[in-house]
N, C-alpha and C. Protein backbone atom coordinates (compact mmCIF):
# COMPACT_ATOMS: atom_id res chain seq x y z
N MET A 1 91.38 -11.35 -131.05
CA MET A 1 91.20 -11.06 -132.38
C MET A 1 90.73 -12.16 -133.29
N ASN A 2 89.77 -11.68 -134.02
CA ASN A 2 89.22 -12.93 -135.03
C ASN A 2 90.47 -13.29 -135.70
N ASN A 3 90.84 -14.62 -135.84
CA ASN A 3 92.05 -15.05 -136.73
C ASN A 3 91.82 -14.62 -138.08
N LYS A 4 90.94 -14.95 -138.48
CA LYS A 4 90.40 -15.04 -139.85
C LYS A 4 90.74 -13.31 -140.28
N LYS A 5 90.18 -12.24 -139.72
CA LYS A 5 90.43 -10.86 -139.85
C LYS A 5 91.64 -10.76 -139.91
N SER A 6 92.50 -11.09 -138.75
CA SER A 6 93.74 -10.81 -138.74
C SER A 6 94.84 -11.06 -139.79
N ARG A 7 94.18 -12.01 -140.66
CA ARG A 7 95.14 -12.55 -141.92
C ARG A 7 94.48 -11.62 -143.20
N GLY A 8 93.51 -10.77 -142.84
CA GLY A 8 93.04 -9.98 -144.10
C GLY A 8 91.85 -10.60 -144.69
N SER A 9 90.67 -10.68 -144.29
CA SER A 9 89.61 -11.05 -144.90
C SER A 9 88.99 -10.47 -146.04
N GLY A 10 89.25 -9.05 -146.32
CA GLY A 10 88.82 -8.32 -147.30
C GLY A 10 88.84 -8.87 -148.33
N ARG A 11 87.91 -8.35 -149.48
CA ARG A 11 87.96 -9.27 -150.78
C ARG A 11 88.78 -8.30 -151.71
N THR A 12 89.68 -9.16 -152.45
CA THR A 12 90.57 -8.67 -153.42
C THR A 12 90.93 -9.71 -154.43
N ARG A 13 91.57 -9.36 -155.36
CA ARG A 13 91.70 -10.11 -156.67
C ARG A 13 92.89 -10.98 -156.41
N ASN A 14 94.05 -10.30 -155.95
CA ASN A 14 95.18 -11.10 -155.91
C ASN A 14 95.75 -11.69 -154.46
N TRP A 15 95.94 -12.78 -154.34
CA TRP A 15 96.42 -13.47 -153.47
C TRP A 15 97.91 -14.34 -153.20
N VAL A 16 98.40 -14.20 -152.33
CA VAL A 16 99.84 -15.06 -152.37
C VAL A 16 99.85 -15.76 -151.01
N PHE A 17 100.75 -17.00 -151.14
CA PHE A 17 100.89 -18.01 -150.22
C PHE A 17 102.18 -18.56 -150.53
N ILE A 18 102.47 -19.15 -149.21
CA ILE A 18 103.82 -20.12 -149.40
C ILE A 18 103.42 -21.62 -149.34
N LEU A 19 103.96 -22.28 -150.38
CA LEU A 19 104.08 -23.96 -150.54
C LEU A 19 105.25 -24.59 -150.15
N TYR A 20 105.15 -25.78 -149.18
CA TYR A 20 106.25 -26.34 -148.82
C TYR A 20 106.24 -27.57 -149.65
N PRO A 21 107.24 -27.97 -150.62
CA PRO A 21 107.14 -29.23 -151.53
C PRO A 21 106.84 -30.47 -150.69
N GLU A 22 107.47 -30.60 -149.27
CA GLU A 22 107.30 -31.87 -148.45
C GLU A 22 105.85 -31.97 -147.95
N SER A 23 105.16 -30.88 -147.98
CA SER A 23 103.77 -30.92 -147.46
C SER A 23 102.79 -31.16 -148.58
N ALA A 24 103.17 -30.71 -149.85
CA ALA A 24 101.99 -30.64 -150.80
C ALA A 24 102.10 -31.98 -151.62
N PRO A 25 100.76 -31.95 -152.33
CA PRO A 25 100.79 -33.25 -153.17
C PRO A 25 101.63 -33.09 -154.49
N LEU A 26 102.06 -34.24 -154.89
CA LEU A 26 103.08 -34.12 -156.11
C LEU A 26 102.41 -33.64 -157.11
N ASN A 27 101.07 -33.59 -157.29
CA ASN A 27 100.49 -32.96 -158.64
C ASN A 27 99.97 -31.62 -158.29
N TRP A 28 100.61 -30.74 -157.23
CA TRP A 28 100.09 -29.43 -156.85
C TRP A 28 99.77 -28.67 -157.85
N ARG A 29 100.81 -28.76 -158.84
CA ARG A 29 100.62 -27.41 -160.09
C ARG A 29 99.43 -27.94 -160.83
N ASP A 30 99.14 -29.05 -161.07
CA ASP A 30 97.95 -29.62 -162.06
C ASP A 30 96.67 -29.22 -160.94
N VAL A 31 96.69 -29.13 -159.85
CA VAL A 31 95.50 -28.89 -158.77
C VAL A 31 95.18 -27.44 -159.23
N LEU A 32 96.34 -26.64 -159.22
CA LEU A 32 96.08 -25.14 -159.52
C LEU A 32 95.56 -24.92 -160.60
N ASP A 33 96.16 -25.54 -161.67
CA ASP A 33 96.05 -25.32 -163.15
C ASP A 33 94.28 -25.66 -163.47
N GLY A 34 93.96 -26.50 -162.57
CA GLY A 34 92.67 -26.94 -162.62
C GLY A 34 91.60 -25.83 -162.15
N GLU A 35 92.15 -24.79 -161.63
CA GLU A 35 90.96 -23.82 -161.07
C GLU A 35 91.12 -22.75 -162.14
N HIS A 36 92.06 -22.82 -163.28
CA HIS A 36 91.59 -22.10 -164.47
C HIS A 36 91.73 -20.62 -164.18
N ILE A 37 92.62 -20.13 -163.31
CA ILE A 37 93.10 -19.08 -163.07
C ILE A 37 94.51 -18.64 -163.38
N ARG A 38 94.77 -17.38 -163.51
CA ARG A 38 96.16 -16.93 -163.80
C ARG A 38 97.05 -17.30 -162.44
N TRP A 39 98.02 -17.60 -162.45
CA TRP A 39 98.82 -17.88 -161.35
C TRP A 39 100.24 -17.91 -161.45
N ILE A 40 101.24 -17.32 -160.59
CA ILE A 40 102.70 -17.30 -160.85
C ILE A 40 103.45 -18.02 -159.83
N GLU A 41 104.51 -18.89 -160.11
CA GLU A 41 105.29 -19.64 -159.16
C GLU A 41 106.51 -19.15 -159.24
N SER A 42 107.15 -19.02 -158.09
CA SER A 42 108.42 -18.53 -157.73
C SER A 42 109.48 -19.84 -158.04
N PRO A 43 110.70 -19.37 -158.30
CA PRO A 43 111.61 -20.28 -158.19
C PRO A 43 111.65 -21.05 -156.71
N LEU A 44 112.15 -22.31 -156.54
CA LEU A 44 112.10 -22.99 -155.51
C LEU A 44 113.34 -22.31 -154.27
N HIS A 45 112.52 -21.71 -153.48
CA HIS A 45 113.54 -20.86 -152.31
C HIS A 45 114.18 -21.73 -151.46
N ASP A 46 115.32 -22.28 -151.71
CA ASP A 46 116.18 -23.23 -151.00
C ASP A 46 117.45 -22.43 -150.55
N ARG A 47 117.70 -21.34 -150.41
CA ARG A 47 118.82 -20.74 -150.11
C ARG A 47 118.58 -19.55 -149.05
N ASP A 48 117.19 -19.30 -148.69
CA ASP A 48 116.87 -18.26 -147.48
C ASP A 48 117.49 -18.60 -146.49
N ILE A 49 117.95 -17.51 -145.73
CA ILE A 49 118.42 -17.48 -144.56
C ILE A 49 117.65 -17.05 -143.44
N ASN A 50 117.57 -17.79 -142.40
CA ASN A 50 116.63 -17.25 -141.36
C ASN A 50 117.45 -15.99 -140.57
N GLU A 51 117.15 -14.95 -140.33
CA GLU A 51 117.95 -13.94 -139.68
C GLU A 51 118.18 -13.95 -138.25
N THR A 52 117.15 -14.71 -137.80
CA THR A 52 117.46 -14.91 -136.23
C THR A 52 118.46 -15.79 -135.76
N ASP A 53 118.86 -16.73 -136.61
CA ASP A 53 119.58 -17.73 -136.15
C ASP A 53 120.70 -18.20 -137.44
N GLY A 54 120.68 -17.68 -138.47
CA GLY A 54 121.49 -17.90 -139.55
C GLY A 54 121.46 -19.34 -140.21
N GLU A 55 120.37 -19.88 -139.95
CA GLU A 55 120.03 -21.36 -140.49
C GLU A 55 119.32 -21.17 -141.96
N VAL A 56 119.50 -22.22 -142.60
CA VAL A 56 118.66 -22.06 -143.91
C VAL A 56 117.40 -22.60 -143.69
N LYS A 57 116.48 -21.60 -144.12
CA LYS A 57 115.01 -21.82 -144.14
C LYS A 57 114.40 -23.17 -144.79
N LYS A 58 113.46 -23.66 -144.55
CA LYS A 58 112.93 -24.86 -145.26
C LYS A 58 112.64 -24.29 -146.69
N SER A 59 112.87 -25.22 -147.47
CA SER A 59 112.46 -24.84 -149.06
C SER A 59 111.04 -24.60 -149.19
N HIS A 60 110.90 -23.80 -149.89
CA HIS A 60 109.42 -23.46 -150.20
C HIS A 60 109.28 -22.67 -151.72
N TYR A 61 108.01 -22.62 -151.98
CA TYR A 61 107.63 -21.72 -153.10
C TYR A 61 106.76 -20.59 -152.76
N HIS A 62 106.89 -19.44 -153.41
CA HIS A 62 106.11 -18.50 -153.36
C HIS A 62 105.02 -18.48 -154.35
N VAL A 63 103.74 -18.59 -154.19
CA VAL A 63 102.65 -18.58 -155.32
C VAL A 63 101.84 -17.52 -155.20
N LEU A 64 101.58 -16.70 -156.43
CA LEU A 64 100.55 -15.72 -156.61
C LEU A 64 99.33 -16.00 -157.48
N LEU A 65 98.28 -15.76 -156.71
CA LEU A 65 97.13 -16.34 -157.39
C LEU A 65 96.35 -14.94 -158.12
N MET A 66 95.81 -14.66 -159.38
CA MET A 66 95.27 -13.52 -159.79
C MET A 66 93.87 -13.84 -160.39
N PHE A 67 92.90 -13.44 -159.60
CA PHE A 67 91.77 -13.86 -160.25
C PHE A 67 90.81 -12.82 -161.02
N GLU A 68 89.82 -13.23 -161.70
CA GLU A 68 89.33 -12.22 -162.64
C GLU A 68 88.39 -11.27 -161.57
N SER A 69 87.74 -11.52 -160.55
CA SER A 69 86.88 -10.90 -159.73
C SER A 69 87.41 -11.00 -158.19
N VAL A 70 87.13 -10.25 -157.45
CA VAL A 70 87.60 -10.16 -156.09
C VAL A 70 87.20 -11.45 -155.17
N LYS A 71 87.93 -11.98 -154.46
CA LYS A 71 87.68 -13.07 -153.42
C LYS A 71 87.90 -13.00 -152.26
N ASP A 72 87.09 -13.46 -151.32
CA ASP A 72 87.35 -13.36 -149.77
C ASP A 72 88.53 -14.37 -149.53
N PHE A 73 88.79 -14.18 -148.09
CA PHE A 73 89.92 -15.36 -147.78
C PHE A 73 89.41 -16.68 -147.63
N SER A 74 87.91 -16.90 -147.21
CA SER A 74 87.49 -18.34 -147.21
C SER A 74 87.63 -18.84 -148.58
N GLN A 75 87.44 -17.92 -149.55
CA GLN A 75 86.94 -18.69 -150.97
C GLN A 75 88.58 -19.09 -151.50
N VAL A 76 89.45 -18.17 -151.14
CA VAL A 76 90.79 -18.65 -151.63
C VAL A 76 91.56 -19.71 -150.76
N LYS A 77 91.15 -19.78 -149.49
CA LYS A 77 91.69 -20.75 -148.61
C LYS A 77 90.83 -22.27 -148.98
N ASP A 78 89.94 -22.30 -149.77
CA ASP A 78 89.31 -23.49 -150.23
C ASP A 78 90.32 -23.88 -151.08
N ILE A 79 90.84 -23.21 -151.91
CA ILE A 79 91.77 -23.52 -153.16
C ILE A 79 93.28 -23.79 -152.31
N THR A 80 93.60 -23.02 -151.61
CA THR A 80 95.01 -23.40 -150.89
C THR A 80 95.09 -24.62 -150.26
N ASP A 81 93.89 -25.01 -149.57
CA ASP A 81 93.95 -26.18 -148.76
C ASP A 81 94.06 -27.25 -149.54
N LYS A 82 93.80 -27.22 -150.80
CA LYS A 82 93.89 -28.49 -151.82
C LYS A 82 95.31 -28.75 -151.95
N VAL A 83 96.21 -27.99 -151.80
CA VAL A 83 97.63 -28.21 -151.87
C VAL A 83 98.22 -28.06 -150.47
N ASN A 84 97.77 -28.01 -149.53
CA ASN A 84 98.26 -27.98 -148.33
C ASN A 84 99.22 -26.98 -148.04
N SER A 85 98.98 -25.78 -148.69
CA SER A 85 99.83 -24.70 -148.35
C SER A 85 99.60 -23.90 -147.11
N ALA A 86 100.67 -22.79 -146.86
CA ALA A 86 100.30 -21.97 -145.73
C ALA A 86 99.05 -21.16 -145.89
N VAL A 87 98.68 -20.40 -145.03
CA VAL A 87 97.48 -19.59 -145.36
C VAL A 87 97.46 -18.44 -146.25
N PRO A 88 96.75 -18.08 -147.40
CA PRO A 88 96.76 -17.04 -148.19
C PRO A 88 96.77 -15.85 -147.47
N ILE A 89 97.27 -14.83 -148.10
CA ILE A 89 97.34 -13.45 -147.68
C ILE A 89 97.26 -12.43 -148.73
N LYS A 90 96.36 -11.30 -148.55
CA LYS A 90 96.20 -10.56 -149.68
C LYS A 90 97.36 -9.90 -150.33
N CYS A 91 97.67 -9.58 -151.34
CA CYS A 91 98.80 -9.24 -152.22
C CYS A 91 98.55 -7.67 -152.72
N ASN A 92 99.10 -6.71 -152.02
CA ASN A 92 99.03 -5.41 -152.09
C ASN A 92 99.48 -4.89 -153.68
N GLY A 93 100.50 -5.59 -154.16
CA GLY A 93 101.42 -5.34 -155.32
C GLY A 93 101.83 -6.24 -155.79
N THR A 94 101.15 -6.75 -157.29
CA THR A 94 101.75 -8.00 -157.97
C THR A 94 103.02 -7.80 -158.49
N ARG A 95 103.41 -6.53 -158.82
CA ARG A 95 104.77 -6.35 -159.65
C ARG A 95 105.70 -6.51 -158.69
N GLY A 96 105.64 -5.93 -157.32
CA GLY A 96 106.51 -5.91 -156.38
C GLY A 96 106.97 -7.32 -155.83
N MET A 97 105.70 -8.00 -155.68
CA MET A 97 105.66 -9.53 -155.43
C MET A 97 106.51 -10.24 -156.44
N VAL A 98 105.87 -10.28 -157.54
CA VAL A 98 106.86 -11.21 -158.54
C VAL A 98 108.26 -10.79 -158.68
N ARG A 99 108.76 -9.61 -158.53
CA ARG A 99 109.93 -9.31 -158.43
C ARG A 99 110.73 -9.83 -157.26
N TYR A 100 109.81 -9.96 -156.12
CA TYR A 100 110.28 -10.29 -154.70
C TYR A 100 110.66 -12.03 -154.96
N PHE A 101 109.88 -12.93 -155.91
CA PHE A 101 109.87 -14.13 -156.20
C PHE A 101 111.61 -14.61 -156.55
N ALA A 102 112.14 -13.63 -157.14
CA ALA A 102 113.46 -13.71 -157.35
C ALA A 102 114.77 -12.85 -156.53
N HIS A 103 113.97 -12.19 -155.42
CA HIS A 103 114.74 -11.20 -154.68
C HIS A 103 115.49 -9.95 -155.30
N LEU A 104 114.68 -9.51 -156.58
CA LEU A 104 115.49 -8.56 -157.58
C LEU A 104 115.79 -7.34 -156.74
N ASP A 105 114.66 -7.02 -155.82
CA ASP A 105 115.10 -5.66 -155.16
C ASP A 105 115.65 -5.81 -153.68
N ASN A 106 115.99 -7.14 -153.51
CA ASN A 106 116.60 -7.49 -152.08
C ASN A 106 117.79 -8.00 -152.28
N LEU A 107 119.07 -6.93 -152.35
CA LEU A 107 120.09 -7.56 -152.83
C LEU A 107 120.92 -8.17 -151.52
N GLU A 108 120.34 -7.94 -150.49
CA GLU A 108 120.92 -8.70 -149.38
C GLU A 108 120.77 -10.19 -149.39
N LYS A 109 119.63 -10.51 -149.88
CA LYS A 109 119.04 -11.72 -150.08
C LYS A 109 119.68 -12.72 -151.01
N PHE A 110 119.56 -14.06 -151.22
CA PHE A 110 120.19 -14.82 -152.19
C PHE A 110 119.37 -14.40 -153.58
N GLN A 111 119.90 -14.43 -154.55
CA GLN A 111 119.44 -13.82 -155.72
C GLN A 111 119.17 -15.01 -156.68
N TYR A 112 117.78 -15.25 -156.92
CA TYR A 112 117.31 -16.45 -157.61
C TYR A 112 117.22 -16.09 -158.99
N ASP A 113 117.21 -16.96 -159.91
CA ASP A 113 117.22 -16.78 -161.35
C ASP A 113 115.71 -16.28 -161.72
N LYS A 114 115.67 -15.22 -162.27
CA LYS A 114 114.11 -14.60 -162.70
C LYS A 114 113.58 -15.46 -163.83
N ASN A 115 114.39 -16.23 -164.56
CA ASN A 115 114.06 -17.01 -165.41
C ASN A 115 113.39 -18.25 -164.99
N ASP A 116 113.50 -18.55 -163.64
CA ASP A 116 112.66 -19.69 -163.14
C ASP A 116 111.65 -19.27 -162.62
N ILE A 117 111.06 -18.08 -162.76
CA ILE A 117 109.63 -17.60 -162.14
C ILE A 117 108.84 -18.04 -163.55
N VAL A 118 107.77 -18.89 -163.14
CA VAL A 118 106.79 -19.47 -164.14
C VAL A 118 105.35 -18.96 -164.02
N GLY A 119 105.00 -18.65 -165.20
CA GLY A 119 103.52 -18.12 -165.31
C GLY A 119 102.60 -19.26 -165.72
N HIS A 120 101.49 -19.33 -165.12
CA HIS A 120 100.47 -20.45 -165.56
C HIS A 120 99.05 -19.76 -165.72
N GLY A 121 98.10 -20.46 -166.81
CA GLY A 121 97.12 -20.07 -166.97
C GLY A 121 96.90 -18.67 -167.57
N GLY A 122 97.93 -18.42 -168.51
CA GLY A 122 98.21 -17.32 -169.28
C GLY A 122 98.69 -15.92 -168.43
N ALA A 123 99.44 -16.22 -167.40
CA ALA A 123 99.94 -15.03 -166.62
C ALA A 123 101.30 -14.76 -167.45
N ASP A 124 101.57 -13.64 -167.69
CA ASP A 124 102.70 -13.07 -168.41
C ASP A 124 103.86 -12.47 -167.49
N VAL A 125 104.75 -13.46 -166.95
CA VAL A 125 105.75 -13.29 -166.08
C VAL A 125 106.52 -11.75 -166.67
N ALA A 126 106.82 -11.75 -167.94
CA ALA A 126 107.70 -10.60 -168.41
C ALA A 126 106.90 -9.54 -168.36
N GLU A 127 105.69 -9.26 -168.28
CA GLU A 127 105.13 -7.90 -167.84
C GLU A 127 105.18 -7.35 -166.71
N PHE A 128 105.44 -8.32 -165.65
CA PHE A 128 105.66 -7.92 -164.17
C PHE A 128 107.30 -7.66 -163.96
N LEU A 129 107.91 -8.15 -164.92
CA LEU A 129 109.49 -8.19 -164.90
C LEU A 129 110.08 -6.86 -165.76
N LYS A 130 109.17 -6.20 -166.15
CA LYS A 130 109.86 -5.07 -167.11
C LYS A 130 110.58 -4.28 -166.38
N PRO A 131 111.69 -3.91 -166.91
CA PRO A 131 112.88 -2.99 -165.83
C PRO A 131 112.21 -1.75 -165.43
N THR A 132 112.94 -1.61 -164.21
CA THR A 132 112.34 0.09 -163.74
C THR A 132 112.86 1.12 -164.40
N LEU A 133 112.75 2.24 -164.36
CA LEU A 133 113.51 3.42 -165.08
C LEU A 133 114.71 3.49 -164.98
N GLY A 134 115.40 3.11 -163.65
CA GLY A 134 116.47 3.38 -163.32
C GLY A 134 117.49 2.09 -163.98
N GLU A 135 116.84 0.78 -164.16
CA GLU A 135 117.26 -0.49 -164.83
C GLU A 135 117.42 0.08 -166.47
N ARG A 136 116.46 0.65 -167.02
CA ARG A 136 116.36 1.23 -168.31
C ARG A 136 117.47 2.02 -168.74
N TYR A 137 118.00 2.72 -167.67
CA TYR A 137 118.85 3.79 -168.03
C TYR A 137 120.36 2.90 -168.07
N VAL A 138 120.41 2.06 -167.15
CA VAL A 138 121.60 1.17 -167.17
C VAL A 138 121.64 0.43 -168.46
N PHE A 139 120.58 -0.21 -169.01
CA PHE A 139 120.82 -0.93 -170.10
C PHE A 139 121.03 -0.06 -171.26
N ILE A 140 120.58 1.00 -171.34
CA ILE A 140 120.84 1.98 -172.40
C ILE A 140 122.30 2.45 -172.60
N TRP A 141 122.90 2.69 -171.41
CA TRP A 141 124.26 2.95 -171.07
C TRP A 141 125.21 1.81 -171.66
N GLU A 142 124.57 0.64 -171.35
CA GLU A 142 125.24 -0.62 -171.77
C GLU A 142 125.21 -0.83 -173.31
N MET A 143 124.33 -0.37 -173.96
CA MET A 143 124.13 -0.44 -175.33
C MET A 143 124.78 0.52 -175.98
N ARG A 144 125.05 1.58 -175.36
CA ARG A 144 125.88 2.69 -175.86
C ARG A 144 127.55 2.53 -175.82
N GLU A 145 127.73 1.70 -174.60
CA GLU A 145 129.05 1.05 -174.58
C GLU A 145 129.43 0.21 -175.66
N TYR A 146 128.31 -0.80 -175.89
CA TYR A 146 128.73 -1.74 -176.79
C TYR A 146 128.81 -1.37 -178.31
N VAL A 147 128.00 -0.13 -178.51
CA VAL A 147 128.07 0.49 -180.02
C VAL A 147 129.65 1.12 -180.08
N ARG A 148 129.96 1.58 -179.04
CA ARG A 148 131.23 2.57 -179.08
C ARG A 148 132.32 1.30 -179.36
N LYS A 149 132.40 0.45 -178.50
CA LYS A 149 133.48 -0.42 -178.40
C LYS A 149 133.59 -1.38 -179.72
N ASN A 150 132.58 -1.63 -180.41
CA ASN A 150 132.50 -2.53 -181.44
C ASN A 150 132.30 -1.83 -182.79
N ASP A 151 132.40 -0.46 -182.69
CA ASP A 151 132.36 0.52 -183.74
C ASP A 151 131.12 0.24 -184.65
N ILE A 152 129.81 0.05 -183.95
CA ILE A 152 128.51 -0.20 -184.68
C ILE A 152 128.04 0.83 -185.40
N LEU A 153 127.88 0.68 -186.67
CA LEU A 153 127.48 1.76 -187.63
C LEU A 153 126.17 1.57 -188.17
N GLU A 154 125.50 0.58 -187.73
CA GLU A 154 124.14 0.30 -188.14
C GLU A 154 123.47 -0.24 -187.41
N PHE A 155 122.02 0.21 -187.03
CA PHE A 155 121.10 -0.37 -186.10
C PHE A 155 120.85 -1.71 -186.10
N CYS A 156 120.91 -2.25 -187.22
CA CYS A 156 120.35 -3.86 -187.39
C CYS A 156 121.60 -4.47 -186.77
N ASP A 157 122.84 -4.13 -186.53
CA ASP A 157 123.74 -5.01 -186.01
C ASP A 157 123.58 -4.96 -184.48
N LEU A 158 123.07 -4.09 -184.00
CA LEU A 158 122.90 -3.93 -182.40
C LEU A 158 121.51 -4.70 -182.50
N PHE A 159 120.67 -4.64 -183.21
CA PHE A 159 119.40 -5.36 -182.90
C PHE A 159 119.80 -6.87 -182.94
N ASP A 160 120.30 -7.28 -184.15
CA ASP A 160 120.56 -8.74 -184.16
C ASP A 160 121.56 -9.11 -182.88
N TYR A 161 122.47 -8.46 -182.44
CA TYR A 161 123.25 -8.84 -181.33
C TYR A 161 122.29 -9.00 -179.95
N ALA A 162 121.41 -8.03 -179.98
CA ALA A 162 120.54 -7.97 -178.74
C ALA A 162 119.56 -9.18 -178.76
N ALA A 163 119.23 -9.58 -179.93
CA ALA A 163 118.16 -10.82 -180.24
C ALA A 163 118.89 -12.17 -179.92
N GLU A 164 120.04 -11.89 -180.26
CA GLU A 164 120.78 -13.24 -180.20
C GLU A 164 121.63 -13.46 -178.82
N ASN A 165 121.71 -12.42 -178.04
CA ASN A 165 122.63 -12.31 -176.71
C ASN A 165 122.12 -11.67 -175.56
N ARG A 166 121.17 -10.78 -175.83
CA ARG A 166 120.63 -10.03 -174.75
C ARG A 166 119.07 -9.93 -174.89
N PHE A 167 118.51 -11.09 -175.05
CA PHE A 167 117.11 -11.16 -175.33
C PHE A 167 116.21 -10.77 -174.24
N GLU A 168 116.82 -10.96 -172.98
CA GLU A 168 115.88 -10.91 -171.62
C GLU A 168 116.03 -9.09 -171.33
N ASP A 169 116.91 -8.48 -171.90
CA ASP A 169 116.95 -7.02 -171.52
C ASP A 169 116.99 -6.10 -172.46
N TRP A 170 118.28 -6.35 -173.08
CA TRP A 170 118.18 -5.08 -174.39
C TRP A 170 117.24 -5.35 -175.44
N PHE A 171 117.03 -6.59 -175.88
CA PHE A 171 115.70 -6.76 -177.06
C PHE A 171 114.55 -6.21 -176.81
N PRO A 172 113.84 -6.53 -175.48
CA PRO A 172 112.46 -5.98 -175.14
C PRO A 172 112.45 -4.40 -175.33
N LEU A 173 113.74 -3.87 -174.73
CA LEU A 173 113.86 -2.34 -175.01
C LEU A 173 113.93 -1.82 -176.31
N LEU A 174 114.66 -2.36 -177.00
CA LEU A 174 114.79 -1.95 -178.64
C LEU A 174 113.29 -2.17 -179.34
N CYS A 175 112.60 -3.01 -178.86
CA CYS A 175 111.41 -3.32 -179.53
C CYS A 175 110.34 -2.30 -179.01
N ASP A 176 110.43 -1.92 -177.86
CA ASP A 176 109.41 -1.30 -177.21
C ASP A 176 109.59 0.25 -177.21
N SER A 177 110.67 0.59 -176.65
CA SER A 177 110.88 2.12 -176.59
C SER A 177 112.12 2.71 -176.75
N CYS A 178 113.21 2.00 -177.05
CA CYS A 178 114.54 2.57 -176.97
C CYS A 178 115.21 2.53 -178.42
N ALA A 179 114.73 2.04 -179.39
CA ALA A 179 114.89 2.18 -180.66
C ALA A 179 115.32 3.47 -181.27
N TYR A 180 114.38 4.31 -180.86
CA TYR A 180 114.61 5.61 -181.59
C TYR A 180 116.08 6.33 -180.94
N VAL A 181 116.19 6.39 -179.56
CA VAL A 181 117.49 7.05 -178.92
C VAL A 181 118.81 6.08 -179.66
N MET A 182 118.62 4.86 -179.46
CA MET A 182 119.66 4.02 -179.95
C MET A 182 120.02 4.30 -181.61
N GLY A 183 119.02 4.27 -182.06
CA GLY A 183 119.06 4.67 -183.67
C GLY A 183 119.72 5.94 -183.85
N GLN A 184 119.28 6.88 -183.22
CA GLN A 184 120.13 8.27 -183.29
C GLN A 184 121.42 8.23 -182.93
N PHE A 185 121.54 7.60 -182.01
CA PHE A 185 122.87 7.65 -181.56
C PHE A 185 123.97 6.94 -182.56
N ILE A 186 123.53 5.65 -183.20
CA ILE A 186 124.11 4.87 -184.02
C ILE A 186 124.45 5.83 -185.07
N LYS A 187 123.33 6.58 -185.85
CA LYS A 187 123.38 7.40 -186.87
C LYS A 187 124.46 8.49 -186.62
N SER A 188 124.63 9.14 -185.32
CA SER A 188 125.33 10.23 -185.18
C SER A 188 126.80 9.70 -184.94
N CYS A 189 127.13 8.47 -184.58
CA CYS A 189 128.49 7.78 -184.60
C CYS A 189 128.84 7.66 -186.04
N ARG A 190 127.91 7.22 -186.77
CA ARG A 190 128.15 6.93 -188.27
C ARG A 190 128.66 8.11 -188.94
N ASN A 191 127.69 9.27 -188.63
CA ASN A 191 128.15 10.66 -189.34
C ASN A 191 129.35 11.08 -188.95
N LYS A 192 129.60 11.00 -187.45
CA LYS A 192 130.99 11.30 -187.02
C LYS A 192 132.17 10.57 -187.70
N TYR A 193 131.95 9.27 -187.86
CA TYR A 193 133.02 8.48 -188.33
C TYR A 193 133.34 8.83 -189.69
N PHE A 194 132.35 9.00 -190.54
CA PHE A 194 132.63 9.53 -192.09
C PHE A 194 133.01 10.90 -192.24
N ASP A 195 132.63 11.74 -191.29
CA ASP A 195 132.99 13.27 -191.39
C ASP A 195 134.55 13.05 -191.02
N SER A 196 134.94 12.20 -189.97
CA SER A 196 136.39 12.15 -189.81
C SER A 196 137.36 11.70 -191.03
N LEU A 197 136.53 10.74 -191.84
CA LEU A 197 137.28 10.19 -192.92
C LEU A 197 137.27 11.15 -193.90
N HIS A 198 136.31 11.92 -194.17
CA HIS A 198 136.34 13.11 -194.99
C HIS A 198 137.49 14.18 -194.93
N VAL A 199 137.29 14.36 -193.71
CA VAL A 199 138.65 15.50 -193.03
C VAL A 199 140.07 14.96 -193.38
N GLN A 200 140.04 13.50 -192.95
CA GLN A 200 141.58 13.17 -193.21
C GLN A 200 142.00 13.05 -194.55
N ASP A 201 140.83 12.56 -195.41
CA ASP A 201 140.86 12.61 -196.95
C ASP A 201 141.40 14.00 -197.50
N LYS A 202 140.92 14.98 -196.87
CA LYS A 202 141.16 16.24 -197.62
C LYS A 202 142.57 16.70 -196.92
N ARG A 203 143.04 16.36 -195.74
CA ARG A 203 144.48 16.54 -195.29
C ARG A 203 145.29 15.86 -196.14
N ASN A 204 144.99 14.68 -196.43
CA ASN A 204 146.00 13.74 -197.26
C ASN A 204 146.35 14.61 -198.89
N LYS A 205 145.24 14.91 -199.27
CA LYS A 205 145.16 15.68 -200.48
C LYS A 205 146.08 16.96 -200.62
N ASN A 206 146.07 17.75 -199.19
CA ASN A 206 146.73 19.10 -199.16
C ASN A 206 148.08 18.47 -199.06
């Protein structure tokens, strides 16, 4: 079988490869930046375990290259050869790949810090790490619990807390899509609270 074809020689815009620091030039990031493309760098994977023998794998980075137009294998390999990386392969899903950089959906693997995923050339990592639908519901549940436990009666108090303490998860949701539901929930809590005070006041007067 042709080796080039076996690695996926079809043309596509997104490619990924593994880079070993011990083999790469010290300025490998500068080399990739010099290509003037969007690319994303994983945290250093130095805790991966080889399933066959239980040994720690050689430290490495995963790198995603995102081109403005489709490229074939040879064009991409011309770039990856400059940093002495493993051969590039086509990336079928950029979002899933970036999440894999921190093993976010592979809980059996070591969990790397997603904040150590670095975007270059204008690549917006946050766009790839937006929460899934299931994660959104978990964060909304967490905000609900925070509102109840801390007697939050104004949306601004939740918003300020999220901005200062939950900037990576709650705050983007409140900015983009969950402000209405949380605002309505807080309003309902506030109404319920003042209604209870009103009832209690009437009882006291009677």
